[in-house]
């Protein structure tokens, strides 16, 4: 019985674990106005623009917004019944 509760508790904690970090990708902006993203390393990106001209920049899609964790915490606090003014949430009795 204790193992079952440990398993349930472990599964309940999964959403609280941080997501694996996405690898930084790079985008090549070519001198002809086109852009190609998804290079895994800066060297790959630089090799792509070599001879044709352009520049390499970090890809925007893999960056975490600076205040993401703050917004998630605020949202969680707003959704929590205990966060309501004057409210202290208590689970219902086992028979209900």
PDB file of N, CA and C in Angstrom:
ATOM      1  N   UNK A   1       0.814  -1.189   0.000  1.00  0.00           N
ATOM      2  CA  UNK A   1       0.000   0.000   0.000  1.00  0.00           C
ATOM      3  C   UNK A   1       0.866   1.265   0.000  1.00  0.00           C
ATOM      4  N   UNK A   2       1.971   1.233   0.792  1.00  0.00           N
ATOM      5  CA  UNK A   2       2.863   2.386   0.838  1.00  0.00           C
ATOM      6  C   UNK A   2       3.526   2.636  -0.509  1.00  0.00           C
ATOM      7  N   UNK A   3       3.845   1.584  -1.213  1.00  0.00           N
ATOM      8  CA  UNK A   3       4.473   1.736  -2.534  1.00  0.00           C
ATOM      9  C   UNK A   3       3.521   2.409  -3.510  1.00  0.00           C
ATOM     10  N   UNK A   4       2.239   2.086  -3.382  1.00  0.00           N
ATOM     11  CA  UNK A   4       1.258   2.705  -4.267  1.00  0.00           C
ATOM     12  C   UNK A   4       1.208   4.214  -4.017  1.00  0.00           C
ATOM     13  N   UNK A   5       1.215   4.623  -2.758  1.00  0.00           N
ATOM     14  CA  UNK A   5       1.179   6.048  -2.442  1.00  0.00           C
ATOM     15  C   UNK A   5       2.457   6.741  -2.910  1.00  0.00           C
ATOM     16  N   UNK A   6       3.575   6.074  -2.800  1.00  0.00           N
ATOM     17  CA  UNK A   6       4.821   6.660  -3.292  1.00  0.00           C
ATOM     18  C   UNK A   6       4.772   6.850  -4.804  1.00  0.00           C
ATOM     19  N   UNK A   7       4.198   5.879  -5.504  1.00  0.00           N
ATOM     20  CA  UNK A   7       4.071   5.987  -6.960  1.00  0.00           C
ATOM     21  C   UNK A   7       3.142   7.140  -7.334  1.00  0.00           C
ATOM     22  N   UNK A   8       2.025   7.263  -6.627  1.00  0.00           N
ATOM     23  CA  UNK A   8       1.082   8.357  -6.892  1.00  0.00           C
ATOM     24  C   UNK A   8       1.754   9.696  -6.605  1.00  0.00           C
ATOM     25  N   UNK A   9       2.458   9.786  -5.490  1.00  0.00           N
ATOM     26  CA  UNK A   9       3.153  11.018  -5.146  1.00  0.00           C
ATOM     27  C   UNK A   9       4.213  11.356  -6.199  1.00  0.00           C
ATOM     28  N   UNK A  10       4.949  10.339  -6.647  1.00  0.00           N
ATOM     29  CA  UNK A  10       5.963  10.565  -7.684  1.00  0.00           C
ATOM     30  C   UNK A  10       5.354  11.078  -8.980  1.00  0.00           C
ATOM     31  N   UNK A  11       4.231  10.506  -9.384  1.00  0.00           N
ATOM     32  CA  UNK A  11       3.559  10.969 -10.601  1.00  0.00           C
ATOM     33  C   UNK A  11       3.004  12.375 -10.434  1.00  0.00           C
ATOM     34  N   UNK A  12       2.531  12.694  -9.243  1.00  0.00           N
ATOM     35  CA  UNK A  12       2.005  14.034  -8.994  1.00  0.00           C
ATOM     36  C   UNK A  12       3.111  15.084  -9.030  1.00  0.00           C
ATOM     37  N   UNK A  13       4.328  14.699  -8.738  1.00  0.00           N
ATOM     38  CA  UNK A  13       5.445  15.637  -8.715  1.00  0.00           C
ATOM     39  C   UNK A  13       6.050  15.881 -10.099  1.00  0.00           C
ATOM     40  N   UNK A  14       5.733  15.045 -11.082  1.00  0.00           N
ATOM     41  CA  UNK A  14       6.328  15.188 -12.416  1.00  0.00           C
ATOM     42  C   UNK A  14       6.126  16.563 -13.031  1.00  0.00           C
ATOM     43  N   UNK A  15       4.926  17.176 -12.952  1.00  0.00           N
ATOM     44  CA  UNK A  15       4.781  18.502 -13.563  1.00  0.00           C
ATOM     45  C   UNK A  15       5.647  19.570 -12.913  1.00  0.00           C
ATOM     46  N   UNK A  16       6.124  19.325 -11.714  1.00  0.00           N
ATOM     47  CA  UNK A  16       6.946  20.309 -11.023  1.00  0.00           C
ATOM     48  C   UNK A  16       8.407  20.259 -11.440  1.00  0.00           C
ATOM     49  N   UNK A  17       8.816  19.174 -12.095  1.00  0.00           N
ATOM     50  CA  UNK A  17      10.204  19.045 -12.543  1.00  0.00           C
ATOM     51  C   UNK A  17      10.462  19.967 -13.721  1.00  0.00           C
ATOM     52  N   UNK A  18      11.643  20.541 -13.801  1.00  0.00           N
ATOM     53  CA  UNK A  18      11.945  21.406 -14.940  1.00  0.00           C
ATOM     54  C   UNK A  18      12.041  20.594 -16.232  1.00  0.00           C
ATOM     55  N   UNK A  19      11.604  21.202 -17.303  1.00  0.00           N
ATOM     56  CA  UNK A  19      11.694  20.557 -18.615  1.00  0.00           C
ATOM     57  C   UNK A  19      13.146  20.544 -19.055  1.00  0.00           C
ATOM     58  N   UNK A  20      13.544  19.543 -19.820  1.00  0.00           N
ATOM     59  CA  UNK A  20      14.916  19.535 -20.320  1.00  0.00           C
ATOM     60  C   UNK A  20      15.180  20.754 -21.194  1.00  0.00           C
ATOM     61  N   UNK A  21      16.334  21.322 -21.040  1.00  0.00           N
ATOM     62  CA  UNK A  21      16.669  22.521 -21.799  1.00  0.00           C
ATOM     63  C   UNK A  21      16.853  22.184 -23.271  1.00  0.00           C
ATOM     64  N   UNK A  22      16.298  23.033 -24.100  1.00  0.00           N
ATOM     65  CA  UNK A  22      16.455  22.855 -25.534  1.00  0.00           C
ATOM     66  C   UNK A  22      17.846  23.350 -25.933  1.00  0.00           C
ATOM     67  N   UNK A  23      18.461  22.665 -26.857  1.00  0.00           N
ATOM     68  CA  UNK A  23      19.779  23.068 -27.322  1.00  0.00           C
ATOM     69  C   UNK A  23      19.667  24.379 -28.093  1.00  0.00           C
ATOM     70  N   UNK A  24      20.648  25.233 -27.913  1.00  0.00           N
ATOM     71  CA  UNK A  24      20.672  26.511 -28.610  1.00  0.00           C
ATOM     72  C   UNK A  24      20.881  26.261 -30.095  1.00  0.00           C
ATOM     73  N   UNK A  25      20.044  26.848 -30.920  1.00  0.00           N
ATOM     74  CA  UNK A  25      20.217  26.757 -32.362  1.00  0.00           C
ATOM     75  C   UNK A  25      20.606  28.124 -32.903  1.00  0.00           C
ATOM     76  N   UNK A  26      21.079  28.148 -34.135  1.00  0.00           N
ATOM     77  CA  UNK A  26      21.521  29.389 -34.757  1.00  0.00           C
ATOM     78  C   UNK A  26      20.808  29.591 -36.084  1.00  0.00           C
ATOM     79  N   UNK A  27      20.640  30.863 -36.450  1.00  0.00           N
ATOM     80  CA  UNK A  27      20.022  31.221 -37.717  1.00  0.00           C
ATOM     81  C   UNK A  27      21.042  31.969 -38.571  1.00  0.00           C
ATOM     82  N   UNK A  28      21.042  31.651 -39.859  1.00  0.00           N
ATOM     83  CA  UNK A  28      21.906  32.346 -40.810  1.00  0.00           C
ATOM     84  C   UNK A  28      21.044  33.329 -41.580  1.00  0.00           C
ATOM     85  N   UNK A  29      21.443  34.596 -41.563  1.00  0.00           N
ATOM     86  CA  UNK A  29      20.787  35.626 -42.362  1.00  0.00           C
ATOM     87  C   UNK A  29      21.728  35.949 -43.514  1.00  0.00           C
ATOM     88  N   UNK A  30      21.309  35.570 -44.715  1.00  0.00           N
ATOM     89  CA  UNK A  30      22.161  35.743 -45.891  1.00  0.00           C
ATOM     90  C   UNK A  30      22.018  37.150 -46.455  1.00  0.00           C
ATOM     91  N   UNK A  31      23.050  37.583 -47.205  1.00  0.00           N
ATOM     92  CA  UNK A  31      23.049  38.929 -47.785  1.00  0.00           C
ATOM     93  C   UNK A  31      21.930  39.125 -48.807  1.00  0.00           C
ATOM     94  N   UNK A  32      21.380  38.032 -49.374  1.00  0.00           N
ATOM     95  CA  UNK A  32      20.291  38.184 -50.348  1.00  0.00           C
ATOM     96  C   UNK A  32      18.923  38.346 -49.676  1.00  0.00           C
ATOM     97  N   UNK A  33      18.904  38.414 -48.329  1.00  0.00           N
ATOM     98  CA  UNK A  33      17.658  38.648 -47.605  1.00  0.00           C
ATOM     99  C   UNK A  33      16.976  37.396 -47.093  1.00  0.00           C
ATOM    100  N   UNK A  34      17.476  36.233 -47.420  1.00  0.00           N
ATOM    101  CA  UNK A  34      16.857  34.996 -46.936  1.00  0.00           C
ATOM    102  C   UNK A  34      17.446  34.629 -45.569  1.00  0.00           C
ATOM    103  N   UNK A  35      16.746  33.753 -44.883  1.00  0.00           N
ATOM    104  CA  UNK A  35      17.183  33.317 -43.560  1.00  0.00           C
ATOM    105  C   UNK A  35      16.941  31.820 -43.429  1.00  0.00           C
ATOM    106  N   UNK A  36      17.859  31.132 -42.783  1.00  0.00           N
ATOM    107  CA  UNK A  36      17.720  29.701 -42.521  1.00  0.00           C
ATOM    108  C   UNK A  36      18.106  29.443 -41.069  1.00  0.00           C
ATOM    109  N   UNK A  37      17.224  28.762 -40.339  1.00  0.00           N
ATOM    110  CA  UNK A  37      17.467  28.485 -38.917  1.00  0.00           C
ATOM    111  C   UNK A  37      17.614  26.987 -38.688  1.00  0.00           C
ATOM    112  N   UNK A  38      18.088  26.631 -37.504  1.00  0.00           N
ATOM    113  CA  UNK A  38      18.176  25.230 -37.124  1.00  0.00           C
ATOM    114  C   UNK A  38      19.585  24.683 -37.106  1.00  0.00           C
ATOM    115  N   UNK A  39      20.587  25.531 -37.292  1.00  0.00           N
ATOM    116  CA  UNK A  39      21.965  25.052 -37.206  1.00  0.00           C
ATOM    117  C   UNK A  39      22.278  24.723 -35.754  1.00  0.00           C
ATOM    118  N   UNK A  40      22.856  23.557 -35.506  1.00  0.00           N
ATOM    119  CA  UNK A  40      23.113  23.098 -34.145  1.00  0.00           C
ATOM    120  C   UNK A  40      24.316  23.790 -33.503  1.00  0.00           C
ATOM    121  N   UNK A  41      25.282  24.231 -34.311  1.00  0.00           N
ATOM    122  CA  UNK A  41      26.458  24.909 -33.770  1.00  0.00           C
ATOM    123  C   UNK A  41      26.707  26.188 -34.554  1.00  0.00           C
ATOM    124  N   UNK A  42      27.428  27.101 -33.925  1.00  0.00           N
ATOM    125  CA  UNK A  42      27.795  28.344 -34.588  1.00  0.00           C
ATOM    126  C   UNK A  42      28.705  28.060 -35.784  1.00  0.00           C
ATOM    127  N   UNK A  43      29.559  27.045 -35.662  1.00  0.00           N
ATOM    128  CA  UNK A  43      30.461  26.704 -36.761  1.00  0.00           C
ATOM    129  C   UNK A  43      29.670  26.238 -37.996  1.00  0.00           C
ATOM    130  N   UNK A  44      28.606  25.460 -37.808  1.00  0.00           N
ATOM    131  CA  UNK A  44      27.775  25.035 -38.939  1.00  0.00           C
ATOM    132  C   UNK A  44      27.154  26.238 -39.628  1.00  0.00           C
ATOM    133  N   UNK A  45      26.673  27.171 -38.833  1.00  0.00           N
ATOM    134  CA  UNK A  45      26.057  28.364 -39.390  1.00  0.00           C
ATOM    135  C   UNK A  45      27.082  29.187 -40.172  1.00  0.00           C
ATOM    136  N   UNK A  46      28.259  29.380 -39.599  1.00  0.00           N
ATOM    137  CA  UNK A  46      29.300  30.155 -40.276  1.00  0.00           C
ATOM    138  C   UNK A  46      29.754  29.480 -41.566  1.00  0.00           C
ATOM    139  N   UNK A  47      29.804  28.158 -41.578  1.00  0.00           N
ATOM    140  CA  UNK A  47      30.162  27.440 -42.802  1.00  0.00           C
ATOM    141  C   UNK A  47      29.100  27.668 -43.877  1.00  0.00           C
ATOM    142  N   UNK A  48      27.848  27.794 -43.471  1.00  0.00           N
ATOM    143  CA  UNK A  48      26.766  27.993 -44.418  1.00  0.00           C
ATOM    144  C   UNK A  48      26.849  29.364 -45.098  1.00  0.00           C
ATOM    145  N   UNK A  49      27.249  30.386 -44.363  1.00  0.00           N
ATOM    146  CA  UNK A  49      27.317  31.726 -44.958  1.00  0.00           C
ATOM    147  C   UNK A  49      28.668  31.999 -45.624  1.00  0.00           C
ATOM    148  N   UNK A  50      29.616  31.092 -45.439  1.00  0.00           N
ATOM    149  CA  UNK A  50      30.937  31.266 -46.012  1.00  0.00           C
ATOM    150  C   UNK A  50      30.861  31.310 -47.536  1.00  0.00           C
ATOM    151  N   UNK A  51      31.422  32.352 -48.102  1.00  0.00           N
ATOM    152  CA  UNK A  51      31.455  32.478 -49.562  1.00  0.00           C
ATOM    153  C   UNK A  51      30.257  33.198 -50.148  1.00  0.00           C
ATOM    154  N   UNK A  52      29.119  33.225 -49.451  1.00  0.00           N
ATOM    155  CA  UNK A  52      27.930  33.907 -49.988  1.00  0.00           C
ATOM    156  C   UNK A  52      27.603  35.161 -49.202  1.00  0.00           C
ATOM    157  N   UNK A  53      28.140  35.295 -48.005  1.00  0.00           N
ATOM    158  CA  UNK A  53      27.925  36.488 -47.188  1.00  0.00           C
ATOM    159  C   UNK A  53      26.689  36.380 -46.306  1.00  0.00           C
ATOM    160  N   UNK A  54      26.777  37.030 -45.178  1.00  0.00           N
ATOM    161  CA  UNK A  54      25.675  37.038 -44.235  1.00  0.00           C
ATOM    162  C   UNK A  54      26.205  37.027 -42.816  1.00  0.00           C
ATOM    163  N   UNK A  55      25.322  36.798 -41.867  1.00  0.00           N
ATOM    164  CA  UNK A  55      25.753  36.706 -40.470  1.00  0.00           C
ATOM    165  C   UNK A  55      24.936  35.653 -39.736  1.00  0.00           C
ATOM    166  N   UNK A  56      25.457  35.208 -38.598  1.00  0.00           N
ATOM    167  CA  UNK A  56      24.806  34.182 -37.780  1.00  0.00           C
ATOM    168  C   UNK A  56      24.362  34.785 -36.461  1.00  0.00           C
ATOM    169  N   UNK A  57      23.177  34.383 -36.015  1.00  0.00           N
ATOM    170  CA  UNK A  57      22.619  34.859 -34.751  1.00  0.00           C
ATOM    171  C   UNK A  57      21.992  33.686 -34.010  1.00  0.00           C
ATOM    172  N   UNK A  58      21.919  33.778 -32.682  1.00  0.00           N
ATOM    173  CA  UNK A  58      21.211  32.732 -31.936  1.00  0.00           C
ATOM    174  C   UNK A  58      19.740  32.691 -32.351  1.00  0.00           C
ATOM    175  N   UNK A  59      19.199  31.491 -32.466  1.00  0.00           N
ATOM    176  CA  UNK A  59      17.792  31.339 -32.822  1.00  0.00           C
ATOM    177  C   UNK A  59      16.893  31.788 -31.686  1.00  0.00           C
ATOM    178  N   UNK A  60      15.832  32.507 -31.992  1.00  0.00           N
ATOM    179  CA  UNK A  60      14.929  33.043 -30.977  1.00  0.00           C
ATOM    180  C   UNK A  60      14.008  31.981 -30.391  1.00  0.00           C
ATOM    181  N   UNK A  61      13.671  30.937 -31.145  1.00  0.00           N
ATOM    182  CA  UNK A  61      12.698  29.955 -30.684  1.00  0.00           C
ATOM    183  C   UNK A  61      13.206  29.094 -29.548  1.00  0.00           C
ATOM    184  N   UNK A  62      14.507  29.017 -29.330  1.00  0.00           N
ATOM    185  CA  UNK A  62      15.020  28.141 -28.274  1.00  0.00           C
ATOM    186  C   UNK A  62      15.353  28.893 -26.996  1.00  0.00           C
ATOM    187  N   UNK A  63      15.126  30.204 -26.967  1.00  0.00           N
ATOM    188  CA  UNK A  63      15.435  30.973 -25.779  1.00  0.00           C
ATOM    189  C   UNK A  63      14.228  31.016 -24.847  1.00  0.00           C
ATOM    190  N   UNK A  64      14.474  30.965 -23.567  1.00  0.00           N
ATOM    191  CA  UNK A  64      13.411  31.054 -22.570  1.00  0.00           C
ATOM    192  C   UNK A  64      13.158  32.529 -22.280  1.00  0.00           C
ATOM    193  N   UNK A  65      11.905  32.975 -22.317  1.00  0.00           N
ATOM    194  CA  UNK A  65      11.630  34.367 -21.974  1.00  0.00           C
ATOM    195  C   UNK A  65      12.151  34.675 -20.571  1.00  0.00           C
ATOM    196  N   UNK A  66      12.672  35.873 -20.343  1.00  0.00           N
ATOM    197  CA  UNK A  66      13.330  36.175 -19.080  1.00  0.00           C
ATOM    198  C   UNK A  66      12.428  36.053 -17.851  1.00  0.00           C
ATOM    199  N   UNK A  67      11.149  36.318 -17.967  1.00  0.00           N
ATOM    200  CA  UNK A  67      10.283  36.286 -16.790  1.00  0.00           C
ATOM    201  C   UNK A  67       9.318  35.099 -16.813  1.00  0.00           C
ATOM    202  N   UNK A  68       9.643  34.041 -17.504  1.00  0.00           N
ATOM    203  CA  UNK A  68       8.739  32.899 -17.638  1.00  0.00           C
ATOM    204  C   UNK A  68       8.429  32.258 -16.287  1.00  0.00           C
ATOM    205  N   UNK A  69       9.442  32.014 -15.470  1.00  0.00           N
ATOM    206  CA  UNK A  69       9.211  31.368 -14.181  1.00  0.00           C
ATOM    207  C   UNK A  69       8.355  32.235 -13.263  1.00  0.00           C
ATOM    208  N   UNK A  70       8.564  33.536 -13.277  1.00  0.00           N
ATOM    209  CA  UNK A  70       7.750  34.429 -12.459  1.00  0.00           C
ATOM    210  C   UNK A  70       6.287  34.366 -12.885  1.00  0.00           C
ATOM    211  N   UNK A  71       6.039  34.368 -14.202  1.00  0.00           N
ATOM    212  CA  UNK A  71       4.657  34.316 -14.681  1.00  0.00           C
ATOM    213  C   UNK A  71       3.992  32.998 -14.309  1.00  0.00           C
ATOM    214  N   UNK A  72       4.725  31.887 -14.390  1.00  0.00           N
ATOM    215  CA  UNK A  72       4.153  30.599 -14.019  1.00  0.00           C
ATOM    216  C   UNK A  72       3.810  30.548 -12.534  1.00  0.00           C
ATOM    217  N   UNK A  73       4.682  31.071 -11.692  1.00  0.00           N
ATOM    218  CA  UNK A  73       4.404  31.089 -10.255  1.00  0.00           C
ATOM    219  C   UNK A  73       3.183  31.951  -9.942  1.00  0.00           C
ATOM    220  N   UNK A  74       3.083  33.121 -10.591  1.00  0.00           N
ATOM    221  CA  UNK A  74       1.940  33.995 -10.357  1.00  0.00           C
ATOM    222  C   UNK A  74       0.643  33.332 -10.806  1.00  0.00           C
ATOM    223  N   UNK A  75       0.674  32.667 -11.944  1.00  0.00           N
ATOM    224  CA  UNK A  75      -0.522  31.992 -12.430  1.00  0.00           C
ATOM    225  C   UNK A  75      -0.942  30.876 -11.479  1.00  0.00           C
ATOM    226  N   UNK A  76       0.030  30.113 -10.972  1.00  0.00           N
ATOM    227  CA  UNK A  76      -0.273  29.025 -10.050  1.00  0.00           C
ATOM    228  C   UNK A  76      -0.887  29.578  -8.762  1.00  0.00           C
ATOM    229  N   UNK A  77      -0.373  30.712  -8.279  1.00  0.00           N
ATOM    230  CA  UNK A  77      -0.916  31.306  -7.062  1.00  0.00           C
ATOM    231  C   UNK A  77      -2.332  31.821  -7.293  1.00  0.00           C
ATOM    232  N   UNK A  78      -2.608  32.372  -8.468  1.00  0.00           N
ATOM    233  CA  UNK A  78      -3.934  32.888  -8.771  1.00  0.00           C
ATOM    234  C   UNK A  78      -4.948  31.764  -8.908  1.00  0.00           C
ATOM    235  N   UNK A  79      -4.527  30.615  -9.422  1.00  0.00           N
ATOM    236  CA  UNK A  79      -5.442  29.494  -9.616  1.00  0.00           C
ATOM    237  C   UNK A  79      -5.683  28.711  -8.342  1.00  0.00           C
ATOM    238  N   UNK A  80      -4.821  28.871  -7.360  1.00  0.00           N
ATOM    239  CA  UNK A  80      -4.938  28.113  -6.113  1.00  0.00           C
ATOM    240  C   UNK A  80      -6.098  28.641  -5.282  1.00  0.00           C
ATOM    241  N   UNK A  81      -6.999  27.760  -4.804  1.00  0.00           N
ATOM    242  CA  UNK A  81      -8.098  28.209  -3.949  1.00  0.00           C
ATOM    243  C   UNK A  81      -7.609  28.862  -2.667  1.00  0.00           C
ATOM    244  N   UNK A  82      -6.451  28.468  -2.164  1.00  0.00           N
ATOM    245  CA  UNK A  82      -5.926  29.066  -0.944  1.00  0.00           C
ATOM    246  C   UNK A  82      -5.517  30.511  -1.166  1.00  0.00           C
ATOM    247  N   UNK A  83      -5.305  30.895  -2.418  1.00  0.00           N
ATOM    248  CA  UNK A  83      -4.886  32.255  -2.716  1.00  0.00           C
ATOM    249  C   UNK A  83      -6.074  33.219  -2.745  1.00  0.00           C
ATOM    250  N   UNK A  84      -7.291  32.726  -2.684  1.00  0.00           N
ATOM    251  CA  UNK A  84      -8.459  33.587  -2.685  1.00  0.00           C
ATOM    252  C   UNK A  84      -8.506  34.379  -1.383  1.00  0.00           C
ATOM    253  N   UNK A  85      -8.977  35.629  -1.434  1.00  0.00           N
ATOM    254  CA  UNK A  85      -9.026  36.438  -0.210  1.00  0.00           C
ATOM    255  C   UNK A  85      -9.855  35.762   0.878  1.00  0.00           C
ATOM    256  N   UNK A  86      -9.276  35.617   2.041  1.00  0.00           N
ATOM    257  CA  UNK A  86      -9.971  35.038   3.175  1.00  0.00           C
ATOM    258  C   UNK A  86     -10.197  33.544   3.081  1.00  0.00           C
ATOM    259  N   UNK A  87      -9.693  32.917   2.047  1.00  0.00           N
ATOM    260  CA  UNK A  87      -9.952  31.498   1.857  1.00  0.00           C
ATOM    261  C   UNK A  87      -8.777  30.638   2.264  1.00  0.00           C
ATOM    262  N   UNK A  88      -9.080  29.610   2.999  1.00  0.00           N
ATOM    263  CA  UNK A  88      -8.071  28.598   3.287  1.00  0.00           C
ATOM    264  C   UNK A  88      -8.656  27.281   2.807  1.00  0.00           C
ATOM    265  N   UNK A  89      -8.096  26.750   1.778  1.00  0.00           N
ATOM    266  CA  UNK A  89      -8.631  25.562   1.149  1.00  0.00           C
ATOM    267  C   UNK A  89      -8.379  24.348   2.005  1.00  0.00           C
ATOM    268  N   UNK A  90      -9.387  23.505   2.112  1.00  0.00           N
ATOM    269  CA  UNK A  90      -9.258  22.269   2.856  1.00  0.00           C
ATOM    270  C   UNK A  90      -9.961  21.183   2.050  1.00  0.00           C
ATOM    271  N   UNK A  91      -9.361  20.026   1.898  1.00  0.00           N
ATOM    272  CA  UNK A  91     -10.006  18.976   1.111  1.00  0.00           C
ATOM    273  C   UNK A  91     -11.281  18.494   1.797  1.00  0.00           C
ATOM    274  N   UNK A  92     -12.228  17.949   1.013  1.00  0.00           N
ATOM    275  CA  UNK A  92     -13.462  17.458   1.619  1.00  0.00           C
ATOM    276  C   UNK A  92     -13.194  16.205   2.455  1.00  0.00           C
ATOM    277  N   UNK A  93     -14.113  15.885   3.354  1.00  0.00           N
ATOM    278  CA  UNK A  93     -13.949  14.671   4.152  1.00  0.00           C
ATOM    279  C   UNK A  93     -13.922  13.449   3.250  1.00  0.00           C
ATOM    280  N   UNK A  94     -13.318  12.352   3.709  1.00  0.00           N
ATOM    281  CA  UNK A  94     -13.168  11.152   2.880  1.00  0.00           C
ATOM    282  C   UNK A  94     -14.488  10.564   2.384  1.00  0.00           C
ATOM    283  N   UNK A  95     -15.585  10.766   3.100  1.00  0.00           N
ATOM    284  CA  UNK A  95     -16.849  10.172   2.714  1.00  0.00           C
ATOM    285  C   UNK A  95     -17.579  10.958   1.627  1.00  0.00           C
ATOM    286  N   UNK A  96     -17.095  12.134   1.265  1.00  0.00           N
ATOM    287  CA  UNK A  96     -17.805  12.945   0.259  1.00  0.00           C
ATOM    288  C   UNK A  96     -17.167  12.848  -1.081  1.00  0.00           C
TER     289      UNK A  96
END
